[in-house]
PDB file of N, CA and C in Angstrom:
ATOM      1  N   UNK A   1     131.267 105.928  54.317  1.00  0.00           N
ATOM      2  CA  UNK A   1     129.697 105.280  55.378  1.00  0.00           C
ATOM      3  C   UNK A   1     129.777 106.365  55.157  1.00  0.00           C
ATOM      4  N   UNK A   2     128.391 106.889  55.479  1.00  0.00           N
ATOM      5  CA  UNK A   2     127.750 108.422  55.646  1.00  0.00           C
ATOM      6  C   UNK A   2     127.795 109.334  57.347  1.00  0.00           C
ATOM      7  N   UNK A   3     127.405 110.491  57.028  1.00  0.00           N
ATOM      8  CA  UNK A   3     127.723 111.285  58.469  1.00  0.00           C
ATOM      9  C   UNK A   3     126.891 110.225  59.151  1.00  0.00           C
ATOM     10  N   UNK A   4     125.221 110.612  58.555  1.00  0.00           N
ATOM     11  CA  UNK A   4     124.022 110.162  59.645  1.00  0.00           C
ATOM     12  C   UNK A   4     123.674 108.572  59.115  1.00  0.00           C
ATOM     13  N   UNK A   5     122.913 107.979  59.445  1.00  0.00           N
ATOM     14  CA  UNK A   5     121.942 106.427  59.810  1.00  0.00           C
ATOM     15  C   UNK A   5     120.947 107.142  60.216  1.00  0.00           C
ATOM     16  N   UNK A   6     120.142 106.849  59.470  1.00  0.00           N
ATOM     17  CA  UNK A   6     118.647 106.221  59.856  1.00  0.00           C
ATOM     18  C   UNK A   6     118.348 105.302  60.324  1.00  0.00           C
ATOM     19  N   UNK A   7     117.672 106.106  62.041  1.00  0.00           N
ATOM     20  CA  UNK A   7     117.326 105.387  63.095  1.00  0.00           C
ATOM     21  C   UNK A   7     116.729 104.209  62.866  1.00  0.00           C
ATOM     22  N   UNK A   8     116.702 103.009  63.153  1.00  0.00           N
ATOM     23  CA  UNK A   8     115.376 102.008  62.939  1.00  0.00           C
ATOM     24  C   UNK A   8     114.297 101.942  64.018  1.00  0.00           C
ATOM     25  N   UNK A   9     113.345 102.005  62.541  1.00  0.00           N
ATOM     26  CA  UNK A   9     112.091 102.225  63.424  1.00  0.00           C
ATOM     27  C   UNK A   9     111.609 101.967  64.440  1.00  0.00           C
ATOM     28  N   UNK A  10     111.282 102.507  65.648  1.00  0.00           N
ATOM     29  CA  UNK A  10     110.579 102.242  66.629  1.00  0.00           C
ATOM     30  C   UNK A  10     109.492 101.999  67.135  1.00  0.00           C
ATOM     31  N   UNK A  11     108.981 100.969  67.641  1.00  0.00           N
ATOM     32  CA  UNK A  11     107.746 100.504  67.452  1.00  0.00           C
ATOM     33  C   UNK A  11     107.487 101.143  69.311  1.00  0.00           C
ATOM     34  N   UNK A  12     105.821 101.411  69.342  1.00  0.00           N
ATOM     35  CA  UNK A  12     105.671 102.396  70.804  1.00  0.00           C
ATOM     36  C   UNK A  12     104.707 101.515  71.447  1.00  0.00           C
ATOM     37  N   UNK A  13     105.057 101.278  71.832  1.00  0.00           N
ATOM     38  CA  UNK A  13     104.521 100.263  73.278  1.00  0.00           C
ATOM     39  C   UNK A  13     102.960  99.974  73.016  1.00  0.00           C
ATOM     40  N   UNK A  14     102.084 101.117  72.609  1.00  0.00           N
ATOM     41  CA  UNK A  14     100.382 100.207  71.665  1.00  0.00           C
ATOM     42  C   UNK A  14     100.757  99.414  70.582  1.00  0.00           C
ATOM     43  N   UNK A  15     101.249  98.888  70.345  1.00  0.00           N
ATOM     44  CA  UNK A  15     101.279  98.501  68.814  1.00  0.00           C
ATOM     45  C   UNK A  15     102.727  97.508  69.534  1.00  0.00           C
ATOM     46  N   UNK A  16     103.537  97.255  69.621  1.00  0.00           N
ATOM     47  CA  UNK A  16     104.372  96.032  70.568  1.00  0.00           C
ATOM     48  C   UNK A  16     103.975  94.548  70.531  1.00  0.00           C
ATOM     49  N   UNK A  17     104.414  94.216  70.138  1.00  0.00           N
ATOM     50  CA  UNK A  17     103.794  92.497  70.388  1.00  0.00           C
ATOM     51  C   UNK A  17     103.509  92.292  71.714  1.00  0.00           C
ATOM     52  N   UNK A  18     102.938  91.288  71.982  1.00  0.00           N
ATOM     53  CA  UNK A  18     102.941  91.017  73.624  1.00  0.00           C
ATOM     54  C   UNK A  18     102.338  89.395  73.733  1.00  0.00           C
ATOM     55  N   UNK A  19     102.935  89.207  75.037  1.00  0.00           N
ATOM     56  CA  UNK A  19     102.565  87.059  75.451  1.00  0.00           C
ATOM     57  C   UNK A  19     101.433  87.478  75.618  1.00  0.00           C
ATOM     58  N   UNK A  20     101.277  86.592  75.989  1.00  0.00           N
ATOM     59  CA  UNK A  20      99.212  85.832  75.689  1.00  0.00           C
ATOM     60  C   UNK A  20      99.452  86.357  77.571  1.00  0.00           C
ATOM     61  N   UNK A  21      98.574  86.755  77.959  1.00  0.00           N
ATOM     62  CA  UNK A  21      98.480  87.354  79.336  1.00  0.00           C
ATOM     63  C   UNK A  21      97.580  85.227  79.944  1.00  0.00           C
ATOM     64  N   UNK A  22      98.197  85.604  81.080  1.00  0.00           N
ATOM     65  CA  UNK A  22      97.961  84.513  81.742  1.00  0.00           C
ATOM     66  C   UNK A  22      96.441  84.314  82.745  1.00  0.00           C
ATOM     67  N   UNK A  23      95.820  85.434  82.960  1.00  0.00           N
ATOM     68  CA  UNK A  23      94.742  86.000  83.275  1.00  0.00           C
ATOM     69  C   UNK A  23      94.793  87.451  82.629  1.00  0.00           C
ATOM     70  N   UNK A  24      93.066  87.142  82.049  1.00  0.00           N
ATOM     71  CA  UNK A  24      92.797  88.990  81.324  1.00  0.00           C
ATOM     72  C   UNK A  24      91.193  89.022  81.315  1.00  0.00           C
ATOM     73  N   UNK A  25      90.849  90.449  82.344  1.00  0.00           N
ATOM     74  CA  UNK A  25      89.848  90.639  82.384  1.00  0.00           C
ATOM     75  C   UNK A  25      89.635  91.516  81.172  1.00  0.00           C
ATOM     76  N   UNK A  26      88.439  91.980  80.760  1.00  0.00           N
ATOM     77  CA  UNK A  26      87.817  93.076  79.722  1.00  0.00           C
ATOM     78  C   UNK A  26      86.232  93.029  80.518  1.00  0.00           C
ATOM     79  N   UNK A  27      86.116  93.853  80.082  1.00  0.00           N
ATOM     80  CA  UNK A  27      85.128  94.812  80.563  1.00  0.00           C
ATOM     81  C   UNK A  27      84.682  96.175  79.285  1.00  0.00           C
ATOM     82  N   UNK A  28      83.476  95.776  78.111  1.00  0.00           N
ATOM     83  CA  UNK A  28      83.582  96.848  77.235  1.00  0.00           C
ATOM     84  C   UNK A  28      84.798  97.382  76.989  1.00  0.00           C
ATOM     85  N   UNK A  29      85.289  98.980  77.665  1.00  0.00           N
ATOM     86  CA  UNK A  29      86.684  99.135  76.969  1.00  0.00           C
ATOM     87  C   UNK A  29      87.776  99.123  78.361  1.00  0.00           C
ATOM     88  N   UNK A  30      87.688  98.300  79.018  1.00  0.00           N
ATOM     89  CA  UNK A  30      88.940  97.890  80.238  1.00  0.00           C
ATOM     90  C   UNK A  30      89.141  96.993  80.354  1.00  0.00           C
ATOM     91  N   UNK A  31      90.349  96.929  80.879  1.00  0.00           N
ATOM     92  CA  UNK A  31      90.824  95.686  81.260  1.00  0.00           C
ATOM     93  C   UNK A  31      91.601  95.882  81.986  1.00  0.00           C
ATOM     94  N   UNK A  32      92.178  94.412  82.493  1.00  0.00           N
ATOM     95  CA  UNK A  32      92.869  94.021  82.994  1.00  0.00           C
ATOM     96  C   UNK A  32      93.500  92.200  82.746  1.00  0.00           C
ATOM     97  N   UNK A  33      95.232  92.949  83.488  1.00  0.00           N
ATOM     98  CA  UNK A  33      95.864  91.450  82.731  1.00  0.00           C
ATOM     99  C   UNK A  33      97.035  91.020  83.101  1.00  0.00           C
ATOM    100  N   UNK A  34      97.865  90.182  83.580  1.00  0.00           N
ATOM    101  CA  UNK A  34      98.429  89.276  84.173  1.00  0.00           C
ATOM    102  C   UNK A  34      99.251  88.468  83.584  1.00  0.00           C
ATOM    103  N   UNK A  35     100.941  89.171  83.970  1.00  0.00           N
ATOM    104  CA  UNK A  35     101.630  88.073  82.958  1.00  0.00           C
ATOM    105  C   UNK A  35     102.926  87.903  83.447  1.00  0.00           C
ATOM    106  N   UNK A  36     103.749  86.954  83.845  1.00  0.00           N
ATOM    107  CA  UNK A  36     104.593  86.218  84.650  1.00  0.00           C
ATOM    108  C   UNK A  36     106.083  86.934  84.135  1.00  0.00           C
ATOM    109  N   UNK A  37     106.345  87.354  85.170  1.00  0.00           N
ATOM    110  CA  UNK A  37     107.840  87.978  84.437  1.00  0.00           C
ATOM    111  C   UNK A  37     108.814  87.909  85.241  1.00  0.00           C
ATOM    112  N   UNK A  38     110.097  88.032  85.074  1.00  0.00           N
ATOM    113  CA  UNK A  38     111.272  87.825  85.832  1.00  0.00           C
ATOM    114  C   UNK A  38     111.291  87.590  87.113  1.00  0.00           C
ATOM    115  N   UNK A  39     110.415  89.221  87.624  1.00  0.00           N
ATOM    116  CA  UNK A  39     110.965  88.648  88.694  1.00  0.00           C
ATOM    117  C   UNK A  39     109.401  89.349  90.149  1.00  0.00           C
ATOM    118  N   UNK A  40     108.743  87.972  88.725  1.00  0.00           N
ATOM    119  CA  UNK A  40     107.342  87.613  89.627  1.00  0.00           C
ATOM    120  C   UNK A  40     106.129  87.980  88.489  1.00  0.00           C
ATOM    121  N   UNK A  41     105.141  88.360  89.256  1.00  0.00           N
ATOM    122  CA  UNK A  41     103.453  88.267  88.808  1.00  0.00           C
ATOM    123  C   UNK A  41     102.918  90.044  88.498  1.00  0.00           C
ATOM    124  N   UNK A  42     103.401  90.345  86.520  1.00  0.00           N
ATOM    125  CA  UNK A  42     103.444  91.844  85.833  1.00  0.00           C
ATOM    126  C   UNK A  42     101.794  92.276  86.060  1.00  0.00           C
ATOM    127  N   UNK A  43     101.094  92.813  86.982  1.00  0.00           N
ATOM    128  CA  UNK A  43      99.668  93.620  86.905  1.00  0.00           C
ATOM    129  C   UNK A  43     100.164  94.324  85.672  1.00  0.00           C
ATOM    130  N   UNK A  44      99.011  94.567  84.598  1.00  0.00           N
ATOM    131  CA  UNK A  44      98.548  96.367  84.377  1.00  0.00           C
ATOM    132  C   UNK A  44      96.746  96.206  83.545  1.00  0.00           C
ATOM    133  N   UNK A  45      97.034  97.186  83.988  1.00  0.00           N
ATOM    134  CA  UNK A  45      94.889  97.414  83.649  1.00  0.00           C
ATOM    135  C   UNK A  45      94.888  98.769  83.269  1.00  0.00           C
ATOM    136  N   UNK A  46      94.310  99.177  82.338  1.00  0.00           N
ATOM    137  CA  UNK A  46      93.160 100.376  81.587  1.00  0.00           C
ATOM    138  C   UNK A  46      92.467 100.620  80.430  1.00  0.00           C
ATOM    139  N   UNK A  47      92.199 101.140  79.683  1.00  0.00           N
ATOM    140  CA  UNK A  47      91.214 101.601  78.531  1.00  0.00           C
ATOM    141  C   UNK A  47      91.993 100.791  76.798  1.00  0.00           C
ATOM    142  N   UNK A  48      90.785 100.897  76.668  1.00  0.00           N
ATOM    143  CA  UNK A  48      90.883 100.824  75.124  1.00  0.00           C
ATOM    144  C   UNK A  48      90.547 101.356  74.961  1.00  0.00           C
ATOM    145  N   UNK A  49      90.359 102.370  73.232  1.00  0.00           N
ATOM    146  CA  UNK A  49      89.703 103.164  72.827  1.00  0.00           C
ATOM    147  C   UNK A  49      89.800 102.902  71.061  1.00  0.00           C
ATOM    148  N   UNK A  50      89.018 103.203  70.182  1.00  0.00           N
ATOM    149  CA  UNK A  50      89.197 103.570  69.414  1.00  0.00           C
ATOM    150  C   UNK A  50      89.287 101.666  68.468  1.00  0.00           C
ATOM    151  N   UNK A  51      88.096 100.907  69.509  1.00  0.00           N
ATOM    152  CA  UNK A  51      87.720  99.166  69.364  1.00  0.00           C
ATOM    153  C   UNK A  51      89.495  98.532  69.180  1.00  0.00           C
ATOM    154  N   UNK A  52      90.090  99.621  70.148  1.00  0.00           N
ATOM    155  CA  UNK A  52      90.672  98.175  71.063  1.00  0.00           C
ATOM    156  C   UNK A  52      91.913  98.710  69.929  1.00  0.00           C
ATOM    157  N   UNK A  53      91.966  99.661  68.864  1.00  0.00           N
ATOM    158  CA  UNK A  53      93.358  99.582  68.319  1.00  0.00           C
ATOM    159  C   UNK A  53      94.809 100.997  69.223  1.00  0.00           C
ATOM    160  N   UNK A  54      94.303 101.568  69.925  1.00  0.00           N
ATOM    161  CA  UNK A  54      94.689 102.149  71.457  1.00  0.00           C
ATOM    162  C   UNK A  54      94.497 102.094  73.032  1.00  0.00           C
ATOM    163  N   UNK A  55      95.551 101.920  73.172  1.00  0.00           N
ATOM    164  CA  UNK A  55      96.047 101.185  74.814  1.00  0.00           C
ATOM    165  C   UNK A  55      96.455 101.806  75.180  1.00  0.00           C
ATOM    166  N   UNK A  56      95.474 102.339  75.842  1.00  0.00           N
ATOM    167  CA  UNK A  56      96.011 103.391  77.524  1.00  0.00           C
ATOM    168  C   UNK A  56      96.210 102.723  78.954  1.00  0.00           C
ATOM    169  N   UNK A  57      97.820 101.963  79.224  1.00  0.00           N
ATOM    170  CA  UNK A  57      97.913 101.526  80.828  1.00  0.00           C
ATOM    171  C   UNK A  57      97.879 103.013  81.715  1.00  0.00           C
ATOM    172  N   UNK A  58      97.065 102.442  83.198  1.00  0.00           N
ATOM    173  CA  UNK A  58      96.171 103.128  83.656  1.00  0.00           C
ATOM    174  C   UNK A  58      97.509 103.370  84.725  1.00  0.00           C
ATOM    175  N   UNK A  59      97.682 101.828  84.490  1.00  0.00           N
ATOM    176  CA  UNK A  59      98.583 101.553  85.986  1.00  0.00           C
ATOM    177  C   UNK A  59      99.643  99.918  85.727  1.00  0.00           C
ATOM    178  N   UNK A  60     100.446 100.159  86.379  1.00  0.00           N
ATOM    179  CA  UNK A  60     101.127  98.120  86.662  1.00  0.00           C
ATOM    180  C   UNK A  60     101.575  98.202  87.286  1.00  0.00           C
ATOM    181  N   UNK A  61     101.733  96.833  88.433  1.00  0.00           N
ATOM    182  CA  UNK A  61     102.700  96.704  89.292  1.00  0.00           C
ATOM    183  C   UNK A  61     103.415  95.621  89.768  1.00  0.00           C
ATOM    184  N   UNK A  62     104.095  95.689  90.018  1.00  0.00           N
ATOM    185  CA  UNK A  62     104.745  94.310  89.902  1.00  0.00           C
ATOM    186  C   UNK A  62     104.920  93.036  90.986  1.00  0.00           C
ATOM    187  N   UNK A  63     104.035  92.011  90.894  1.00  0.00           N
ATOM    188  CA  UNK A  63     104.210  90.692  92.381  1.00  0.00           C
ATOM    189  C   UNK A  63     105.224  90.056  92.539  1.00  0.00           C
ATOM    190  N   UNK A  64     105.533  89.767  93.870  1.00  0.00           N
ATOM    191  CA  UNK A  64     106.428  88.732  93.977  1.00  0.00           C
ATOM    192  C   UNK A  64     105.994  86.659  93.614  1.00  0.00           C
ATOM    193  N   UNK A  65     104.403  87.278  94.095  1.00  0.00           N
ATOM    194  CA  UNK A  65     103.095  86.100  94.551  1.00  0.00           C
ATOM    195  C   UNK A  65     101.192  86.424  93.407  1.00  0.00           C
ATOM    196  N   UNK A  66     101.780  85.304  93.538  1.00  0.00           N
ATOM    197  CA  UNK A  66     100.061  85.522  93.241  1.00  0.00           C
ATOM    198  C   UNK A  66      99.199  85.791  94.017  1.00  0.00           C
ATOM    199  N   UNK A  67      99.287  86.215  95.520  1.00  0.00           N
ATOM    200  CA  UNK A  67      98.464  85.775  97.078  1.00  0.00           C
ATOM    201  C   UNK A  67      98.576  87.438  96.582  1.00  0.00           C
ATOM    202  N   UNK A  68      99.802  87.768  96.104  1.00  0.00           N
ATOM    203  CA  UNK A  68      99.711  89.868  96.473  1.00  0.00           C
ATOM    204  C   UNK A  68      98.789  90.290  94.925  1.00  0.00           C
ATOM    205  N   UNK A  69      99.280  89.829  93.584  1.00  0.00           N
ATOM    206  CA  UNK A  69      98.006  90.208  92.747  1.00  0.00           C
ATOM    207  C   UNK A  69      96.862  90.002  92.584  1.00  0.00           C
ATOM    208  N   UNK A  70      96.245  88.906  93.233  1.00  0.00           N
ATOM    209  CA  UNK A  70      94.696  88.927  93.438  1.00  0.00           C
ATOM    210  C   UNK A  70      94.078  90.102  94.643  1.00  0.00           C
ATOM    211  N   UNK A  71      94.485  90.803  95.706  1.00  0.00           N
ATOM    212  CA  UNK A  71      93.717  91.669  95.610  1.00  0.00           C
ATOM    213  C   UNK A  71      94.695  93.144  94.848  1.00  0.00           C
ATOM    214  N   UNK A  72      95.151  92.662  93.798  1.00  0.00           N
ATOM    215  CA  UNK A  72      95.625  94.315  92.852  1.00  0.00           C
ATOM    216  C   UNK A  72      94.322  93.898  91.922  1.00  0.00           C
ATOM    217  N   UNK A  73      94.098  93.087  91.835  1.00  0.00           N
ATOM    218  CA  UNK A  73      93.339  92.863  90.713  1.00  0.00           C
ATOM    219  C   UNK A  73      91.729  92.968  91.020  1.00  0.00           C
ATOM    220  N   UNK A  74      91.642  93.078  92.234  1.00  0.00           N
ATOM    221  CA  UNK A  74      90.083  93.234  92.842  1.00  0.00           C
ATOM    222  C   UNK A  74      89.815  95.206  92.720  1.00  0.00           C
ATOM    223  N   UNK A  75      91.047  95.651  93.209  1.00  0.00           N
ATOM    224  CA  UNK A  75      91.090  97.432  92.979  1.00  0.00           C
ATOM    225  C   UNK A  75      91.515  97.473  91.992  1.00  0.00           C
ATOM    226  N   UNK A  76      91.986  97.324  91.131  1.00  0.00           N
ATOM    227  CA  UNK A  76      92.094  97.993  89.997  1.00  0.00           C
ATOM    228  C   UNK A  76      90.745  98.175  88.664  1.00  0.00           C
ATOM    229  N   UNK A  77      89.855  96.738  89.418  1.00  0.00           N
ATOM    230  CA  UNK A  77      88.685  97.094  88.631  1.00  0.00           C
ATOM    231  C   UNK A  77      87.895  97.310  89.181  1.00  0.00           C
ATOM    232  N   UNK A  78      87.839  98.163  90.588  1.00  0.00           N
ATOM    233  CA  UNK A  78      86.434  98.679  91.519  1.00  0.00           C
ATOM    234  C   UNK A  78      87.305 100.062  91.266  1.00  0.00           C
ATOM    235  N   UNK A  79      88.202 100.354  90.933  1.00  0.00           N
ATOM    236  CA  UNK A  79      88.820 102.170  90.531  1.00  0.00           C
ATOM    237  C   UNK A  79      88.368 102.166  89.330  1.00  0.00           C
ATOM    238  N   UNK A  80      88.545 101.373  88.213  1.00  0.00           N
ATOM    239  CA  UNK A  80      87.524 101.773  86.614  1.00  0.00           C
ATOM    240  C   UNK A  80      86.446 101.645  86.382  1.00  0.00           C
ATOM    241  N   UNK A  81      86.342 100.918  87.583  1.00  0.00           N
ATOM    242  CA  UNK A  81      84.084 100.697  87.343  1.00  0.00           C
ATOM    243  C   UNK A  81      83.410 101.317  88.322  1.00  0.00           C
ATOM    244  N   UNK A  82      84.250 101.174  89.422  1.00  0.00           N
ATOM    245  CA  UNK A  82      82.743 101.436  90.690  1.00  0.00           C
ATOM    246  C   UNK A  82      82.397 100.440  90.880  1.00  0.00           C
ATOM    247  N   UNK A  83      82.617  98.920  90.823  1.00  0.00           N
ATOM    248  CA  UNK A  83      81.423  97.867  90.393  1.00  0.00           C
ATOM    249  C   UNK A  83      82.250  97.147  91.676  1.00  0.00           C
ATOM    250  N   UNK A  84      81.684  96.519  92.655  1.00  0.00           N
ATOM    251  CA  UNK A  84      82.269  96.123  93.683  1.00  0.00           C
ATOM    252  C   UNK A  84      81.300  94.264  92.436  1.00  0.00           C
ATOM    253  N   UNK A  85      80.860  94.035  92.298  1.00  0.00           N
ATOM    254  CA  UNK A  85      80.167  93.152  91.897  1.00  0.00           C
ATOM    255  C   UNK A  85      81.440  92.924  90.294  1.00  0.00           C
ATOM    256  N   UNK A  86      81.680  93.141  89.971  1.00  0.00           N
ATOM    257  CA  UNK A  86      82.151  93.078  88.551  1.00  0.00           C
ATOM    258  C   UNK A  86      83.771  92.517  89.542  1.00  0.00           C
ATOM    259  N   UNK A  87      84.613  92.701  90.904  1.00  0.00           N
ATOM    260  CA  UNK A  87      85.777  92.887  91.437  1.00  0.00           C
ATOM    261  C   UNK A  87      85.945  91.721  91.907  1.00  0.00           C
ATOM    262  N   UNK A  88      83.936  91.143  92.454  1.00  0.00           N
ATOM    263  CA  UNK A  88      83.874  89.520  92.909  1.00  0.00           C
ATOM    264  C   UNK A  88      84.273  88.638  91.892  1.00  0.00           C
ATOM    265  N   UNK A  89      83.601  88.493  90.754  1.00  0.00           N
ATOM    266  CA  UNK A  89      83.161  88.062  89.416  1.00  0.00           C
ATOM    267  C   UNK A  89      84.497  87.859  89.509  1.00  0.00           C
ATOM    268  N   UNK A  90      85.427  88.989  89.144  1.00  0.00           N
ATOM    269  CA  UNK A  90      86.977  88.521  88.598  1.00  0.00           C
ATOM    270  C   UNK A  90      87.430  87.744  88.749  1.00  0.00           C
ATOM    271  N   UNK A  91      87.724  88.031  90.785  1.00  0.00           N
ATOM    272  CA  UNK A  91      88.330  87.158  91.746  1.00  0.00           C
ATOM    273  C   UNK A  91      87.800  85.260  91.706  1.00  0.00           C
ATOM    274  N   UNK A  92      86.876  85.155  91.089  1.00  0.00           N
ATOM    275  CA  UNK A  92      86.075  84.179  90.834  1.00  0.00           C
ATOM    276  C   UNK A  92      86.617  83.113  89.491  1.00  0.00           C
ATOM    277  N   UNK A  93      87.204  84.479  88.948  1.00  0.00           N
ATOM    278  CA  UNK A  93      87.692  83.625  87.480  1.00  0.00           C
ATOM    279  C   UNK A  93      89.618  83.777  88.184  1.00  0.00           C
ATOM    280  N   UNK A  94      89.281  84.445  89.047  1.00  0.00           N
ATOM    281  CA  UNK A  94      90.868  84.382  89.313  1.00  0.00           C
ATOM    282  C   UNK A  94      91.460  83.220  89.649  1.00  0.00           C
ATOM    283  N   UNK A  95      90.054  83.304  90.765  1.00  0.00           N
ATOM    284  CA  UNK A  95      90.701  81.296  91.610  1.00  0.00           C
ATOM    285  C   UNK A  95      90.544  80.252  90.407  1.00  0.00           C
ATOM    286  N   UNK A  96      89.955  80.238  89.679  1.00  0.00           N
ATOM    287  CA  UNK A  96      89.626  79.002  88.723  1.00  0.00           C
ATOM    288  C   UNK A  96      90.775  79.433  87.761  1.00  0.00           C
ATOM    289  N   UNK A  97      91.070  80.639  87.932  1.00  0.00           N
ATOM    290  CA  UNK A  97      92.886  80.382  86.602  1.00  0.00           C
ATOM    291  C   UNK A  97      93.462  79.183  87.020  1.00  0.00           C
ATOM    292  N   UNK A  98      94.305  78.821  85.675  1.00  0.00           N
ATOM    293  CA  UNK A  98      95.562  77.979  85.870  1.00  0.00           C
ATOM    294  C   UNK A  98      96.499  78.293  85.320  1.00  0.00           C
ATOM    295  N   UNK A  99      96.638  79.334  86.692  1.00  0.00           N
ATOM    296  CA  UNK A  99      98.119  80.252  86.465  1.00  0.00           C
ATOM    297  C   UNK A  99      99.254  78.968  85.714  1.00  0.00           C
ATOM    298  N   UNK A 100     100.548  79.347  85.031  1.00  0.00           N
ATOM    299  CA  UNK A 100     101.094  78.337  84.989  1.00  0.00           C
ATOM    300  C   UNK A 100     102.357  78.352  86.187  1.00  0.00           C
ATOM    301  N   UNK A 101     103.054  77.049  85.322  1.00  0.00           N
ATOM    302  CA  UNK A 101     104.583  77.206  86.408  1.00  0.00           C
ATOM    303  C   UNK A 101     105.459  77.931  86.290  1.00  0.00           C
ATOM    304  N   UNK A 102     105.686  79.180  87.541  1.00  0.00           N
ATOM    305  CA  UNK A 102     106.309  79.739  87.486  1.00  0.00           C
ATOM    306  C   UNK A 102     107.121  80.625  88.456  1.00  0.00           C
ATOM    307  N   UNK A 103     108.480  80.128  88.167  1.00  0.00           N
ATOM    308  CA  UNK A 103     109.469  80.889  89.864  1.00  0.00           C
ATOM    309  C   UNK A 103     110.398  82.280  90.032  1.00  0.00           C
ATOM    310  N   UNK A 104     109.744  82.624  90.693  1.00  0.00           N
ATOM    311  CA  UNK A 104     110.322  84.822  89.829  1.00  0.00           C
ATOM    312  C   UNK A 104     111.754  84.253  90.649  1.00  0.00           C
ATOM    313  N   UNK A 105     112.580  84.832  90.017  1.00  0.00           N
ATOM    314  CA  UNK A 105     113.785  84.695  89.940  1.00  0.00           C
ATOM    315  C   UNK A 105     114.411  86.134  91.445  1.00  0.00           C
ATOM    316  N   UNK A 106     114.857  85.860  92.243  1.00  0.00           N
ATOM    317  CA  UNK A 106     115.690  86.619  93.160  1.00  0.00           C
ATOM    318  C   UNK A 106     116.201  88.171  93.102  1.00  0.00           C
ATOM    319  N   UNK A 107     115.132  88.240  93.409  1.00  0.00           N
ATOM    320  CA  UNK A 107     115.678  90.434  93.718  1.00  0.00           C
ATOM    321  C   UNK A 107     117.021  90.293  94.015  1.00  0.00           C
ATOM    322  N   UNK A 108     118.168  91.726  94.105  1.00  0.00           N
ATOM    323  CA  UNK A 108     118.679  91.252  94.144  1.00  0.00           C
ATOM    324  C   UNK A 108     119.094  92.070  95.753  1.00  0.00           C
ATOM    325  N   UNK A 109     119.742  92.203  95.745  1.00  0.00           N
ATOM    326  CA  UNK A 109     120.258  92.358  97.421  1.00  0.00           C
ATOM    327  C   UNK A 109     119.984  93.966  96.928  1.00  0.00           C
ATOM    328  N   UNK A 110     119.603  94.854  98.284  1.00  0.00           N
ATOM    329  CA  UNK A 110     119.477  96.050  97.944  1.00  0.00           C
ATOM    330  C   UNK A 110     120.968  96.715  98.159  1.00  0.00           C
ATOM    331  N   UNK A 111     120.907  98.290  97.771  1.00  0.00           N
ATOM    332  CA  UNK A 111     122.210  98.472  98.308  1.00  0.00           C
ATOM    333  C   UNK A 111     122.644  99.694  99.353  1.00  0.00           C
TER     334      UNK A 111
END
């Protein structure tokens, strides 16, 4: 057996395969996506470069219910665009989205 082995190739988070988001908003190089995760709903927002080849995540938050996701989407879009009209439009799309049935797991008890 050799003393050193070649580590498996790493997958960068930029090129890692991702599931389809339950909700996605895009405008030019900006994005906001919502994914169902074990503990609730993950909201990610950021920018694309090189025609979408590079993805920079500016922020992410996990919420236990969609009620928390809604204001985060608006805040993220306002933060990236400075445009209240785009934030309002995204909330209308959010309200008309059919989200999958998703029951988050119970969080562990605090220490």
